[in-house]
Amino acid sequence: MNYQIRKIDNKKYIEIISSSKPLNTENDALDLIALCSEHNTNILMIHYAALSEDFFNLKTKADGNIIQKFINYCIKTVAVVPGEIIQKGRLKEMTLETNKGNHFRMYENKEKAEKWLIQ
């Protein structure tokens, strides 16, 4: 897993840039939660390259299961995903809905994602 620890305005978060095994299951989410605990943070940014195709296929329910783990463990999470992916069908609806909350959001660029994440 390719990640970095970022610090902005006295807030520390983990940025998952890519992974040889993309995030696909609840156990993968638990590994990220453990990583957050290890680095004493509850803030996480995940880039598109670290997410599996199943995450974006709502029929698999991988997205809901993973997001629920982050919510259960109070990990504020943002996914940075290309606009052409976010704007597809039902994923667009899900993005609009999740972006109303304070636990998980998806943004097209890192700057917007980071702004929400550290606020």
Protein backbone atom coordinates (compact mmCIF):
# COMPACT_ATOMS: atom_id res chain seq x y z
CA MET A 1 0.00 0.00 0.00
CA ASN A 2 1.34 3.37 -1.00
CA TYR A 3 0.37 5.98 1.59
CA GLN A 4 1.61 9.18 3.17
CA ILE A 5 0.95 10.91 6.45
CA ARG A 6 -0.13 14.52 5.86
CA LYS A 7 -0.32 17.32 8.40
CA ILE A 8 -2.26 20.53 7.75
CA ASP A 9 -3.32 23.09 10.34
CA ASN A 10 -2.36 20.72 13.18
CA LYS A 11 -4.59 17.98 11.71
CA LYS A 12 -3.02 14.74 10.62
CA TYR A 13 -4.53 12.42 8.04
CA ILE A 14 -3.50 9.39 6.03
CA GLU A 15 -3.56 9.65 2.26
CA ILE A 16 -3.88 6.30 0.49
CA ILE A 17 -2.45 6.92 -2.96
CA SER A 18 -2.52 3.42 -4.44
CA SER A 19 -2.49 -0.21 -3.46
CA SER A 20 -1.42 -3.46 -5.07
CA LYS A 21 -4.66 -4.95 -3.67
CA PRO A 22 -7.40 -2.32 -4.13
CA LEU A 23 -9.88 -1.70 -1.33
CA ASN A 24 -12.66 -4.22 -1.90
CA THR A 25 -13.92 -5.76 1.35
CA GLU A 26 -14.81 -4.92 4.92
CA ASN A 27 -11.53 -6.54 5.99
CA ASP A 28 -9.63 -4.16 3.72
CA ALA A 29 -11.46 -1.29 5.43
CA LEU A 30 -10.49 -2.72 8.83
CA ASP A 31 -6.84 -2.74 7.71
CA LEU A 32 -7.12 0.99 6.94
CA ILE A 33 -8.83 1.60 10.28
CA ALA A 34 -5.93 -0.18 12.00
CA LEU A 35 -3.49 1.99 10.02
CA CYS A 36 -5.31 5.09 11.24
CA SER A 37 -5.12 3.85 14.81
CA GLU A 38 -1.42 3.11 14.42
CA HIS A 39 -0.80 6.70 13.33
CA ASN A 40 -3.19 8.21 15.88
CA THR A 41 -5.63 9.77 13.43
CA ASN A 42 -9.25 9.25 12.43
CA ILE A 43 -9.03 11.10 9.10
CA LEU A 44 -8.47 9.27 5.82
CA MET A 45 -8.19 10.19 2.13
CA ILE A 46 -8.37 7.43 -0.47
CA HIS A 47 -7.48 7.97 -4.13
CA TYR A 48 -9.26 6.25 -7.00
CA ALA A 49 -6.23 4.04 -7.73
CA ALA A 50 -6.61 2.41 -4.31
CA LEU A 51 -10.29 1.49 -4.79
CA SER A 52 -11.53 -1.66 -6.53
CA GLU A 53 -13.93 -1.67 -9.45
CA ASP A 54 -16.46 -3.38 -7.15
CA PHE A 55 -16.50 -0.26 -4.99
CA PHE A 56 -18.06 1.62 -7.90
CA ASN A 57 -20.46 -1.19 -8.84
CA LEU A 58 -23.29 -0.57 -6.41
CA LYS A 59 -24.77 -4.03 -7.03
CA THR A 60 -21.85 -5.64 -5.17
CA LYS A 61 -22.60 -3.57 -2.04
CA ALA A 62 -18.84 -3.28 -1.45
CA ASP A 63 -19.12 0.51 -1.18
CA GLY A 64 -21.85 0.41 1.45
CA ASN A 65 -20.09 -2.24 3.53
CA ILE A 66 -16.78 -0.39 3.44
CA ILE A 67 -18.31 3.03 4.15
CA GLN A 68 -20.28 1.56 7.06
CA LYS A 69 -17.06 0.25 8.65
CA PHE A 70 -15.52 3.72 8.46
CA ILE A 71 -18.65 5.22 10.04
CA ASN A 72 -18.75 2.57 12.79
CA TYR A 73 -15.14 3.31 13.74
CA CYS A 74 -15.56 7.10 13.42
CA ILE A 75 -13.08 7.44 10.55
CA LYS A 76 -13.83 10.58 8.55
CA THR A 77 -13.11 9.48 4.99
CA VAL A 78 -12.98 11.10 1.59
CA ALA A 79 -12.45 9.45 -1.79
CA VAL A 80 -10.82 11.37 -4.64
CA VAL A 81 -12.44 10.02 -7.81
CA PRO A 82 -12.39 11.30 -11.41
CA GLY A 83 -15.49 13.26 -12.38
CA GLU A 84 -16.39 10.92 -15.21
CA ILE A 85 -16.69 8.09 -12.67
CA ILE A 86 -18.65 10.10 -10.09
CA GLN A 87 -21.13 11.30 -12.71
CA LYS A 88 -22.18 7.80 -13.83
CA GLY A 89 -25.76 6.70 -13.16
CA ARG A 90 -26.54 5.49 -9.67
CA LEU A 91 -23.08 6.40 -8.40
CA LYS A 92 -23.95 10.04 -9.03
CA GLU A 93 -27.02 9.64 -6.80
CA MET A 94 -24.97 7.94 -4.10
CA THR A 95 -22.34 10.69 -4.24
CA LEU A 96 -24.98 13.41 -3.89
CA GLU A 97 -26.44 11.58 -0.88
CA THR A 98 -23.16 10.78 0.91
CA ASN A 99 -21.83 14.28 0.33
CA LYS A 100 -24.64 15.62 2.52
CA GLY A 101 -23.18 13.82 5.53
CA ASN A 102 -20.13 14.34 7.70
CA HIS A 103 -18.61 10.83 7.57
CA PHE A 104 -17.83 9.98 3.96
CA ARG A 105 -17.66 12.07 0.80
CA MET A 106 -16.39 11.83 -2.77
CA TYR A 107 -14.75 14.68 -4.63
CA GLU A 108 -13.23 15.09 -8.07
CA ASN A 109 -10.05 16.77 -6.89
CA LYS A 110 -7.70 16.55 -3.96
CA GLU A 111 -7.98 20.23 -3.00
CA LYS A 112 -11.73 20.10 -2.41
CA ALA A 113 -11.42 16.75 -0.68
CA GLU A 114 -8.70 17.99 1.63
CA LYS A 115 -10.61 21.17 2.46
CA TRP A 116 -13.61 19.15 3.63
CA LEU A 117 -11.47 16.55 5.37
CA ILE A 118 -9.57 18.96 7.62
CA GLN A 119 -12.39 21.39 8.40
